[in-house]
Amino acid sequence: MVYQARVSQRKEEYLGEIGFLHLLGAVANILWLIVFHYSYG
């Protein structure tokens, strides 16, 4: 999904929640890639 923060929506609560979930998913993806790379390297 793509979320867009418009000027009129910058103070909405859901943007903070999306930001946290995005960060959590990004960190999990990085860790998975590192583990996968070194387990078959």
C-alpha atoms as a PDB file:
ATOM      1  CA  MET A   1       0.000   0.000   0.000  1.00  0.00           C
ATOM      2  CA  VAL A   2       1.036   3.563  -0.547  1.00  0.00           C
ATOM      3  CA  TYR A   3       0.144   6.217   1.995  1.00  0.00           C
ATOM      4  CA  GLN A   4       0.360   9.893   1.191  1.00  0.00           C
ATOM      5  CA  ALA A   5       0.660  12.628   3.802  1.00  0.00           C
ATOM      6  CA  ARG A   6      -1.084  15.665   2.415  1.00  0.00           C
ATOM      7  CA  VAL A   7      -0.736  19.103   3.950  1.00  0.00           C
ATOM      8  CA  SER A   8      -4.298  18.923   5.259  1.00  0.00           C
ATOM      9  CA  GLN A   9      -3.683  15.517   6.897  1.00  0.00           C
ATOM     10  CA  ARG A  10      -0.255  15.959   8.515  1.00  0.00           C
ATOM     11  CA  LYS A  11      -1.673  15.924  12.051  1.00  0.00           C
ATOM     12  CA  GLU A  12      -3.817  12.824  11.660  1.00  0.00           C
ATOM     13  CA  GLU A  13      -3.186  10.058  14.200  1.00  0.00           C
ATOM     14  CA  TYR A  14      -3.074   7.237  11.676  1.00  0.00           C
ATOM     15  CA  LEU A  15       0.116   8.609  10.112  1.00  0.00           C
ATOM     16  CA  GLY A  16       2.044   7.956  13.318  1.00  0.00           C
ATOM     17  CA  GLU A  17       0.738   4.387  13.452  1.00  0.00           C
ATOM     18  CA  ILE A  18       1.638   3.764   9.827  1.00  0.00           C
ATOM     19  CA  GLY A  19       5.119   5.167  10.431  1.00  0.00           C
ATOM     20  CA  PHE A  20       5.744   2.703  13.258  1.00  0.00           C
ATOM     21  CA  LEU A  21       4.469  -0.260  11.259  1.00  0.00           C
ATOM     22  CA  HIS A  22       6.579   0.753   8.274  1.00  0.00           C
ATOM     23  CA  LEU A  23       9.691   0.985  10.447  1.00  0.00           C
ATOM     24  CA  LEU A  24       8.951  -2.388  12.030  1.00  0.00           C
ATOM     25  CA  GLY A  25       8.482  -4.012   8.618  1.00  0.00           C
ATOM     26  CA  ALA A  26      11.642  -2.428   7.228  1.00  0.00           C
ATOM     27  CA  VAL A  27      13.766  -3.654  10.139  1.00  0.00           C
ATOM     28  CA  ALA A  28      12.289  -7.157   9.868  1.00  0.00           C
ATOM     29  CA  ASN A  29      13.025  -7.198   6.144  1.00  0.00           C
ATOM     30  CA  ILE A  30      16.643  -6.111   6.673  1.00  0.00           C
ATOM     31  CA  LEU A  31      17.184  -8.774   9.334  1.00  0.00           C
ATOM     32  CA  TRP A  32      15.645 -11.461   7.142  1.00  0.00           C
ATOM     33  CA  LEU A  33      17.887 -10.505   4.223  1.00  0.00           C
ATOM     34  CA  ILE A  34      21.013 -10.625   6.395  1.00  0.00           C
ATOM     35  CA  VAL A  35      20.098 -14.028   7.848  1.00  0.00           C
ATOM     36  CA  PHE A  36      19.216 -15.440   4.426  1.00  0.00           C
ATOM     37  CA  HIS A  37      22.427 -14.087   2.872  1.00  0.00           C
ATOM     38  CA  TYR A  38      24.734 -15.578   5.488  1.00  0.00           C
ATOM     39  CA  SER A  39      22.909 -18.898   5.856  1.00  0.00           C
ATOM     40  CA  TYR A  40      23.513 -19.800   2.181  1.00  0.00           C
ATOM     41  CA  GLY A  41      26.762 -17.867   1.624  1.00  0.00           C
END
